[in-house]
């Protein structure tokens, strides 16, 4: 499955069932685990694949591939849910009841600095957890915590090896 305009073929399988072979995809359904929020968003680029660097160069979407996705839907959710404007200097004006709701939610909530940095930049690292060649969809989750640290280090190593 390559990165590009949506192109899916239906394949007949044993027992007359069907597989949806994604030949090209440009969007996917990505979940933000700590916020329990899932949104369809655009896949921007394939940045890492543990199995083969060739799959990164050819922008092939497979299970376990690390991709960069568009952060806009997650940023708008965060702004609406917590009243915190990421990437902007000040939040929008809201009614007192909405402000109280935001204050209540913000009481015991902290956003990881690395996620905040990614959301502000407009690109978020995510992992594909579905098998696009079998299901015809590229679903996944946003990388957070130790998993994010691991892949950030891998990307940093790869980037410096290329320029050295």
N, C-alpha and C. Protein backbone atom coordinates (compact mmCIF):
# COMPACT_ATOMS: atom_id res chain seq x y z
N UNK A 1 0.85 -1.18 0.00
CA UNK A 1 0.00 0.00 0.00
C UNK A 1 0.89 1.24 0.00
N UNK A 2 0.71 2.08 -0.97
CA UNK A 2 1.52 3.28 -1.10
C UNK A 2 0.76 4.50 -0.58
N UNK A 3 1.51 5.57 -0.37
CA UNK A 3 0.92 6.83 0.05
C UNK A 3 0.46 7.58 -1.19
N UNK A 4 -0.82 7.95 -1.27
CA UNK A 4 -1.36 8.64 -2.43
C UNK A 4 -2.87 8.60 -2.42
N UNK A 5 -3.50 9.04 -3.50
CA UNK A 5 -4.95 9.06 -3.61
C UNK A 5 -5.56 7.69 -3.36
N UNK A 6 -6.72 7.66 -2.72
CA UNK A 6 -7.34 6.40 -2.30
C UNK A 6 -7.66 5.49 -3.50
N UNK A 7 -7.12 4.26 -3.44
CA UNK A 7 -7.38 3.27 -4.48
C UNK A 7 -7.45 1.91 -3.81
N UNK A 8 -8.64 1.28 -3.85
CA UNK A 8 -8.86 0.01 -3.14
C UNK A 8 -9.44 -1.02 -4.10
N UNK A 9 -8.93 -2.23 -4.05
CA UNK A 9 -9.45 -3.33 -4.87
C UNK A 9 -10.09 -4.36 -3.94
N UNK A 10 -11.20 -4.94 -4.36
CA UNK A 10 -11.85 -6.00 -3.59
C UNK A 10 -11.34 -7.34 -4.11
N UNK A 11 -10.92 -8.19 -3.19
CA UNK A 11 -10.36 -9.50 -3.54
C UNK A 11 -11.26 -10.57 -2.95
N UNK A 12 -11.68 -11.53 -3.78
CA UNK A 12 -12.50 -12.63 -3.27
C UNK A 12 -11.58 -13.63 -2.59
N UNK A 13 -12.00 -14.07 -1.41
CA UNK A 13 -11.18 -15.01 -0.65
C UNK A 13 -11.95 -16.30 -0.42
N UNK A 14 -11.35 -17.21 0.32
CA UNK A 14 -11.95 -18.51 0.59
C UNK A 14 -13.30 -18.36 1.28
N UNK A 15 -14.26 -19.12 0.82
CA UNK A 15 -15.60 -19.10 1.40
C UNK A 15 -16.45 -17.97 0.84
N UNK A 16 -15.95 -17.31 -0.22
CA UNK A 16 -16.71 -16.22 -0.83
C UNK A 16 -16.61 -14.91 -0.05
N UNK A 17 -15.76 -14.87 0.95
CA UNK A 17 -15.58 -13.63 1.70
C UNK A 17 -14.73 -12.65 0.91
N UNK A 18 -14.59 -11.45 1.43
CA UNK A 18 -13.85 -10.42 0.71
C UNK A 18 -12.77 -9.78 1.57
N UNK A 19 -11.66 -9.44 0.90
CA UNK A 19 -10.62 -8.61 1.49
C UNK A 19 -10.62 -7.31 0.71
N UNK A 20 -10.24 -6.24 1.37
CA UNK A 20 -10.17 -4.96 0.70
C UNK A 20 -8.69 -4.58 0.61
N UNK A 21 -8.13 -4.76 -0.58
CA UNK A 21 -6.70 -4.51 -0.77
C UNK A 21 -6.50 -3.04 -1.09
N UNK A 22 -5.90 -2.30 -0.16
CA UNK A 22 -5.61 -0.88 -0.39
C UNK A 22 -4.32 -0.78 -1.20
N UNK A 23 -4.44 -0.25 -2.42
CA UNK A 23 -3.25 -0.04 -3.24
C UNK A 23 -2.63 1.30 -2.92
N UNK A 24 -3.49 2.29 -2.64
CA UNK A 24 -3.02 3.62 -2.24
C UNK A 24 -3.98 4.20 -1.21
N UNK A 25 -3.43 4.87 -0.22
CA UNK A 25 -4.23 5.54 0.80
C UNK A 25 -3.60 6.88 1.14
N UNK A 26 -4.43 7.85 1.52
CA UNK A 26 -3.89 9.14 1.95
C UNK A 26 -4.42 9.55 3.32
N UNK A 27 -5.44 8.84 3.83
CA UNK A 27 -5.99 9.17 5.14
C UNK A 27 -6.09 7.92 6.00
N UNK A 28 -6.27 8.13 7.28
CA UNK A 28 -6.44 7.01 8.19
C UNK A 28 -7.14 7.47 9.45
N UNK A 29 -7.60 6.52 10.23
CA UNK A 29 -8.29 6.79 11.49
C UNK A 29 -7.28 6.60 12.61
N UNK A 30 -6.92 7.70 13.28
CA UNK A 30 -5.87 7.62 14.30
C UNK A 30 -6.42 7.98 15.67
N UNK A 31 -5.97 7.23 16.67
CA UNK A 31 -6.47 7.36 18.04
C UNK A 31 -5.41 8.02 18.92
N UNK A 32 -5.87 8.93 19.79
CA UNK A 32 -5.00 9.56 20.79
C UNK A 32 -5.35 8.90 22.10
N UNK A 33 -4.54 7.94 22.53
CA UNK A 33 -4.84 7.07 23.65
C UNK A 33 -5.15 7.76 24.95
N UNK A 34 -4.31 8.71 25.38
CA UNK A 34 -4.50 9.33 26.70
C UNK A 34 -5.74 10.23 26.74
N UNK A 35 -6.16 10.73 25.59
CA UNK A 35 -7.35 11.59 25.55
C UNK A 35 -8.60 10.82 25.13
N UNK A 36 -8.46 9.55 24.79
CA UNK A 36 -9.58 8.71 24.33
C UNK A 36 -10.33 9.41 23.19
N UNK A 37 -9.58 9.83 22.18
CA UNK A 37 -10.15 10.57 21.05
C UNK A 37 -9.60 9.99 19.75
N UNK A 38 -10.48 9.71 18.81
CA UNK A 38 -10.09 9.16 17.52
C UNK A 38 -10.64 10.03 16.41
N UNK A 39 -9.81 10.27 15.40
CA UNK A 39 -10.24 11.14 14.32
C UNK A 39 -9.58 10.70 13.01
N UNK A 40 -10.32 10.87 11.92
CA UNK A 40 -9.77 10.60 10.60
C UNK A 40 -8.88 11.79 10.23
N UNK A 41 -7.66 11.49 9.80
CA UNK A 41 -6.73 12.56 9.45
C UNK A 41 -5.83 12.13 8.29
N UNK A 42 -5.16 13.10 7.71
CA UNK A 42 -4.32 12.89 6.54
C UNK A 42 -2.96 12.33 6.96
N UNK A 43 -2.49 11.34 6.22
CA UNK A 43 -1.15 10.80 6.44
C UNK A 43 -0.20 11.63 5.57
N UNK A 44 0.80 12.24 6.20
CA UNK A 44 1.70 13.14 5.49
C UNK A 44 2.89 12.39 4.90
N UNK A 45 3.53 11.52 5.70
CA UNK A 45 4.76 10.88 5.25
C UNK A 45 5.03 9.62 6.07
N UNK A 46 5.76 8.68 5.47
CA UNK A 46 6.26 7.51 6.19
C UNK A 46 7.68 7.85 6.62
N UNK A 47 7.95 7.81 7.94
CA UNK A 47 9.25 8.25 8.43
C UNK A 47 10.14 7.12 8.95
N UNK A 48 9.56 5.99 9.36
CA UNK A 48 10.37 4.90 9.90
C UNK A 48 9.65 3.58 9.73
N UNK A 49 10.43 2.55 9.43
CA UNK A 49 9.89 1.20 9.39
C UNK A 49 10.98 0.26 9.90
N UNK A 50 10.67 -0.47 10.96
CA UNK A 50 11.66 -1.32 11.60
C UNK A 50 12.10 -2.46 10.70
N UNK A 51 11.22 -2.92 9.81
CA UNK A 51 11.55 -4.09 9.01
C UNK A 51 12.45 -3.78 7.82
N UNK A 52 12.28 -2.59 7.20
CA UNK A 52 13.02 -2.35 5.97
C UNK A 52 13.03 -0.86 5.63
N UNK A 53 14.20 -0.29 5.39
CA UNK A 53 14.30 1.12 5.00
C UNK A 53 13.74 1.38 3.60
N UNK A 54 13.72 0.35 2.78
CA UNK A 54 13.16 0.48 1.43
C UNK A 54 11.68 0.88 1.50
N UNK A 55 10.97 0.39 2.53
CA UNK A 55 9.56 0.71 2.69
C UNK A 55 9.37 2.19 3.06
N UNK A 56 10.36 2.80 3.68
CA UNK A 56 10.30 4.24 4.00
C UNK A 56 10.53 5.03 2.72
N UNK A 57 11.55 4.63 1.96
CA UNK A 57 11.91 5.36 0.73
C UNK A 57 10.75 5.35 -0.27
N UNK A 58 10.07 4.20 -0.38
CA UNK A 58 8.96 4.08 -1.34
C UNK A 58 7.62 4.51 -0.74
N UNK A 59 7.63 4.98 0.52
CA UNK A 59 6.42 5.45 1.22
C UNK A 59 5.33 4.38 1.25
N UNK A 60 5.72 3.18 1.67
CA UNK A 60 4.80 2.05 1.74
C UNK A 60 4.17 1.97 3.13
N UNK A 61 2.85 1.87 3.17
CA UNK A 61 2.10 1.79 4.43
C UNK A 61 1.88 0.32 4.78
N UNK A 62 2.49 -0.11 5.88
CA UNK A 62 2.30 -1.46 6.39
C UNK A 62 2.07 -1.39 7.89
N UNK A 63 1.63 -2.50 8.47
CA UNK A 63 1.43 -2.54 9.91
C UNK A 63 2.76 -2.30 10.62
N UNK A 64 2.75 -1.43 11.61
CA UNK A 64 3.96 -1.14 12.37
C UNK A 64 4.78 0.01 11.82
N UNK A 65 4.39 0.55 10.67
CA UNK A 65 5.13 1.69 10.10
C UNK A 65 4.87 2.95 10.92
N UNK A 66 5.91 3.75 11.10
CA UNK A 66 5.76 5.02 11.82
C UNK A 66 5.55 6.11 10.78
N UNK A 67 4.44 6.82 10.90
CA UNK A 67 4.08 7.85 9.93
C UNK A 67 3.90 9.20 10.62
N UNK A 68 4.00 10.26 9.82
CA UNK A 68 3.66 11.59 10.29
C UNK A 68 2.26 11.88 9.82
N UNK A 69 1.39 12.34 10.75
CA UNK A 69 0.02 12.66 10.38
C UNK A 69 -0.25 14.13 10.66
N UNK A 70 -1.28 14.65 10.02
CA UNK A 70 -1.68 16.04 10.21
C UNK A 70 -2.28 16.21 11.60
N UNK A 71 -1.81 17.21 12.35
CA UNK A 71 -2.23 17.39 13.74
C UNK A 71 -3.49 18.23 13.89
N UNK A 72 -4.00 18.83 12.82
CA UNK A 72 -5.11 19.78 12.92
C UNK A 72 -6.33 19.26 13.66
N UNK A 73 -6.87 18.06 13.34
CA UNK A 73 -8.06 17.60 14.06
C UNK A 73 -7.83 17.41 15.56
N UNK A 74 -6.62 16.98 15.93
CA UNK A 74 -6.31 16.77 17.35
C UNK A 74 -6.11 18.10 18.07
N UNK A 75 -5.54 19.07 17.37
CA UNK A 75 -5.35 20.40 17.95
C UNK A 75 -6.70 21.09 18.19
N UNK A 76 -7.60 20.98 17.22
CA UNK A 76 -8.92 21.60 17.39
C UNK A 76 -9.70 20.93 18.52
N UNK A 77 -9.58 19.59 18.64
CA UNK A 77 -10.23 18.89 19.75
C UNK A 77 -9.68 19.40 21.08
N UNK A 78 -8.36 19.49 21.18
CA UNK A 78 -7.74 19.91 22.44
C UNK A 78 -8.16 21.33 22.81
N UNK A 79 -8.22 22.19 21.80
CA UNK A 79 -8.65 23.57 22.03
C UNK A 79 -10.10 23.63 22.51
N UNK A 80 -10.97 22.85 21.89
CA UNK A 80 -12.40 22.86 22.26
C UNK A 80 -12.63 22.20 23.62
N UNK A 81 -11.86 21.15 23.93
CA UNK A 81 -12.10 20.38 25.14
C UNK A 81 -11.48 21.01 26.39
N UNK A 82 -10.29 21.60 26.21
CA UNK A 82 -9.58 22.16 27.36
C UNK A 82 -9.47 23.68 27.33
N UNK A 83 -9.84 24.29 26.22
CA UNK A 83 -9.76 25.74 26.12
C UNK A 83 -8.34 26.25 26.03
N UNK A 84 -7.39 25.39 25.77
CA UNK A 84 -5.99 25.78 25.65
C UNK A 84 -5.64 25.84 24.17
N UNK A 85 -5.22 27.01 23.73
CA UNK A 85 -4.88 27.18 22.32
C UNK A 85 -3.44 26.77 22.09
N UNK A 86 -3.23 25.66 21.41
CA UNK A 86 -1.88 25.19 21.10
C UNK A 86 -1.41 25.86 19.82
N UNK A 87 -0.21 26.44 19.86
CA UNK A 87 0.31 27.09 18.67
C UNK A 87 -0.17 28.52 18.51
N UNK A 88 -1.13 28.96 19.32
CA UNK A 88 -1.61 30.33 19.30
C UNK A 88 -1.28 30.98 20.63
N UNK A 89 -1.28 32.31 20.66
CA UNK A 89 -0.91 33.01 21.89
C UNK A 89 -2.04 33.02 22.92
N UNK A 90 -3.26 33.20 22.46
CA UNK A 90 -4.37 33.26 23.41
C UNK A 90 -5.58 32.46 22.92
N UNK A 91 -6.39 32.00 23.85
CA UNK A 91 -7.56 31.18 23.52
C UNK A 91 -8.71 32.08 23.06
N UNK A 92 -9.71 31.46 22.41
CA UNK A 92 -10.90 32.18 21.95
C UNK A 92 -11.77 32.55 23.14
N UNK A 93 -12.60 33.58 22.94
CA UNK A 93 -13.53 34.00 23.99
C UNK A 93 -14.70 33.00 24.04
N UNK A 94 -15.04 32.57 25.27
CA UNK A 94 -16.14 31.61 25.45
C UNK A 94 -17.01 32.07 26.62
N UNK A 95 -18.20 31.49 26.73
CA UNK A 95 -19.13 31.85 27.80
C UNK A 95 -18.59 31.38 29.16
N UNK A 96 -19.19 31.89 30.21
CA UNK A 96 -18.73 31.57 31.56
C UNK A 96 -18.90 30.07 31.86
N UNK A 97 -20.02 29.49 31.42
CA UNK A 97 -20.26 28.07 31.69
C UNK A 97 -19.21 27.18 31.00
N UNK A 98 -18.86 27.55 29.76
CA UNK A 98 -17.83 26.80 29.04
C UNK A 98 -16.48 26.99 29.71
N UNK A 99 -16.21 28.21 30.18
CA UNK A 99 -14.96 28.50 30.88
C UNK A 99 -14.85 27.67 32.16
N UNK A 100 -15.97 27.55 32.88
CA UNK A 100 -15.99 26.73 34.10
C UNK A 100 -15.70 25.26 33.77
N UNK A 101 -16.28 24.80 32.66
CA UNK A 101 -16.06 23.42 32.22
C UNK A 101 -14.58 23.19 31.91
N UNK A 102 -13.96 24.14 31.19
CA UNK A 102 -12.54 24.05 30.86
C UNK A 102 -11.69 24.05 32.13
N UNK A 103 -12.03 24.91 33.09
CA UNK A 103 -11.26 24.98 34.34
C UNK A 103 -11.34 23.66 35.10
N UNK A 104 -12.53 23.07 35.12
CA UNK A 104 -12.73 21.78 35.80
C UNK A 104 -11.88 20.69 35.16
N UNK A 105 -11.86 20.67 33.83
CA UNK A 105 -11.07 19.66 33.12
C UNK A 105 -9.58 19.88 33.31
N UNK A 106 -9.14 21.14 33.37
CA UNK A 106 -7.72 21.46 33.47
C UNK A 106 -7.15 21.24 34.86
N UNK A 107 -8.03 21.07 35.87
CA UNK A 107 -7.57 20.91 37.25
C UNK A 107 -6.54 19.80 37.42
N UNK A 108 -6.87 18.62 36.95
CA UNK A 108 -5.96 17.48 37.12
C UNK A 108 -5.50 16.92 35.77
N UNK A 109 -5.19 17.82 34.84
CA UNK A 109 -4.77 17.38 33.51
C UNK A 109 -3.46 18.06 33.12
N UNK A 110 -2.52 17.27 32.62
CA UNK A 110 -1.29 17.82 32.06
C UNK A 110 -1.05 17.17 30.71
N UNK A 111 -0.57 17.96 29.78
CA UNK A 111 -0.25 17.46 28.44
C UNK A 111 1.26 17.27 28.36
N UNK A 112 1.67 16.13 27.88
CA UNK A 112 3.09 15.83 27.71
C UNK A 112 3.72 16.90 26.80
N UNK A 113 4.87 17.41 27.21
CA UNK A 113 5.54 18.49 26.48
C UNK A 113 5.86 18.09 25.03
N UNK A 114 6.21 16.82 24.83
CA UNK A 114 6.56 16.35 23.49
C UNK A 114 5.35 16.34 22.56
N UNK A 115 4.19 15.94 23.11
CA UNK A 115 2.95 15.95 22.32
C UNK A 115 2.56 17.39 22.00
N UNK A 116 2.68 18.25 23.00
CA UNK A 116 2.34 19.67 22.81
C UNK A 116 3.20 20.29 21.70
N UNK A 117 4.48 19.96 21.72
CA UNK A 117 5.42 20.46 20.71
C UNK A 117 5.01 19.99 19.31
N UNK A 118 4.64 18.70 19.21
CA UNK A 118 4.22 18.14 17.92
C UNK A 118 2.92 18.78 17.43
N UNK A 119 1.95 18.94 18.34
CA UNK A 119 0.68 19.55 17.96
C UNK A 119 0.88 20.98 17.47
N UNK A 120 1.77 21.71 18.13
CA UNK A 120 2.06 23.09 17.73
C UNK A 120 2.71 23.14 16.35
N UNK A 121 3.56 22.13 16.05
CA UNK A 121 4.25 22.12 14.75
C UNK A 121 3.33 21.69 13.61
N UNK A 122 2.21 21.03 13.94
CA UNK A 122 1.27 20.62 12.89
C UNK A 122 1.46 19.19 12.40
N UNK A 123 2.46 18.49 12.91
CA UNK A 123 2.72 17.10 12.52
C UNK A 123 2.88 16.26 13.78
N UNK A 124 2.27 15.06 13.77
CA UNK A 124 2.33 14.17 14.92
C UNK A 124 2.81 12.81 14.44
N UNK A 125 3.68 12.16 15.22
CA UNK A 125 4.14 10.81 14.89
C UNK A 125 3.08 9.79 15.33
N UNK A 126 2.79 8.85 14.46
CA UNK A 126 1.80 7.82 14.77
C UNK A 126 2.27 6.48 14.21
N UNK A 127 1.70 5.41 14.74
CA UNK A 127 2.03 4.06 14.31
C UNK A 127 0.78 3.44 13.67
N UNK A 128 0.97 2.77 12.53
CA UNK A 128 -0.17 2.10 11.88
C UNK A 128 -0.35 0.74 12.55
N UNK A 129 -1.58 0.48 13.04
CA UNK A 129 -1.83 -0.78 13.73
C UNK A 129 -2.70 -1.74 12.92
N UNK A 130 -3.31 -1.26 11.83
CA UNK A 130 -4.09 -2.16 10.98
C UNK A 130 -3.21 -2.66 9.84
N UNK A 131 -3.72 -3.60 9.07
CA UNK A 131 -2.98 -4.11 7.92
C UNK A 131 -3.64 -3.58 6.65
N UNK A 132 -3.15 -2.46 6.09
CA UNK A 132 -3.82 -1.81 4.96
C UNK A 132 -4.03 -2.71 3.74
N UNK A 133 -3.10 -3.64 3.50
CA UNK A 133 -3.23 -4.54 2.35
C UNK A 133 -4.32 -5.58 2.53
N UNK A 134 -4.77 -5.79 3.77
CA UNK A 134 -5.80 -6.79 4.05
C UNK A 134 -7.16 -6.16 4.31
N UNK A 135 -7.17 -5.03 5.03
CA UNK A 135 -8.44 -4.43 5.44
C UNK A 135 -8.83 -3.21 4.60
N UNK A 136 -7.89 -2.67 3.84
CA UNK A 136 -8.19 -1.50 3.02
C UNK A 136 -8.21 -0.21 3.81
N UNK A 137 -7.71 -0.21 5.04
CA UNK A 137 -7.71 0.99 5.88
C UNK A 137 -6.37 1.12 6.59
N UNK A 138 -6.00 2.36 6.89
CA UNK A 138 -4.77 2.61 7.64
C UNK A 138 -5.15 3.22 8.97
N UNK A 139 -5.40 2.38 9.96
CA UNK A 139 -5.78 2.85 11.28
C UNK A 139 -4.58 2.74 12.21
N UNK A 140 -4.52 3.62 13.21
CA UNK A 140 -3.37 3.56 14.10
C UNK A 140 -3.56 4.41 15.33
N UNK A 141 -2.44 4.70 15.99
CA UNK A 141 -2.49 5.47 17.23
C UNK A 141 -1.31 6.43 17.28
N UNK A 142 -1.49 7.52 18.02
CA UNK A 142 -0.45 8.52 18.21
C UNK A 142 0.58 7.97 19.21
N UNK A 143 1.84 8.14 18.89
CA UNK A 143 2.91 7.68 19.77
C UNK A 143 3.04 8.60 20.99
N UNK A 144 3.08 7.98 22.18
CA UNK A 144 3.22 8.74 23.42
C UNK A 144 4.17 8.02 24.36
N UNK A 145 4.71 8.76 25.31
CA UNK A 145 5.53 8.17 26.37
C UNK A 145 6.79 7.51 25.88
N UNK A 146 7.09 6.33 26.44
CA UNK A 146 8.33 5.61 26.15
C UNK A 146 8.41 5.20 24.67
N UNK A 147 7.28 4.85 24.10
CA UNK A 147 7.26 4.45 22.69
C UNK A 147 7.66 5.62 21.79
N UNK A 148 7.14 6.81 22.10
CA UNK A 148 7.52 8.01 21.35
C UNK A 148 9.02 8.28 21.50
N UNK A 149 9.53 8.18 22.74
CA UNK A 149 10.96 8.42 23.01
C UNK A 149 11.83 7.48 22.18
N UNK A 150 11.43 6.20 22.13
CA UNK A 150 12.19 5.21 21.38
C UNK A 150 12.27 5.58 19.90
N UNK A 151 11.12 5.87 19.28
CA UNK A 151 11.10 6.17 17.85
C UNK A 151 11.73 7.52 17.55
N UNK A 152 11.61 8.49 18.44
CA UNK A 152 12.26 9.79 18.24
C UNK A 152 13.78 9.60 18.21
N UNK A 153 14.29 8.73 19.10
CA UNK A 153 15.72 8.44 19.14
C UNK A 153 16.16 7.73 17.85
N UNK A 154 15.34 6.79 17.38
CA UNK A 154 15.65 6.09 16.14
C UNK A 154 15.72 7.06 14.96
N UNK A 155 14.75 7.96 14.89
CA UNK A 155 14.70 8.95 13.80
C UNK A 155 15.89 9.90 13.89
N UNK A 156 16.25 10.28 15.12
CA UNK A 156 17.38 11.18 15.34
C UNK A 156 18.67 10.51 14.86
N UNK A 157 18.84 9.22 15.21
CA UNK A 157 20.02 8.45 14.78
C UNK A 157 20.09 8.37 13.26
N UNK A 158 18.95 8.03 12.66
CA UNK A 158 18.86 7.87 11.21
C UNK A 158 19.19 9.19 10.50
N UNK A 159 18.66 10.28 11.04
CA UNK A 159 18.85 11.60 10.44
C UNK A 159 20.32 12.02 10.51
N UNK A 160 20.97 11.76 11.64
CA UNK A 160 22.37 12.16 11.79
C UNK A 160 23.31 11.25 11.02
N UNK A 161 22.93 10.00 10.83
CA UNK A 161 23.74 9.08 10.03
C UNK A 161 23.74 9.53 8.58
N UNK A 162 22.59 10.03 8.12
CA UNK A 162 22.44 10.46 6.73
C UNK A 162 23.30 11.70 6.44
N UNK A 163 23.39 12.61 7.41
CA UNK A 163 24.11 13.88 7.20
C UNK A 163 25.58 13.82 7.65
N UNK A 164 26.02 12.69 8.15
CA UNK A 164 27.41 12.60 8.64
C UNK A 164 28.37 12.20 7.52
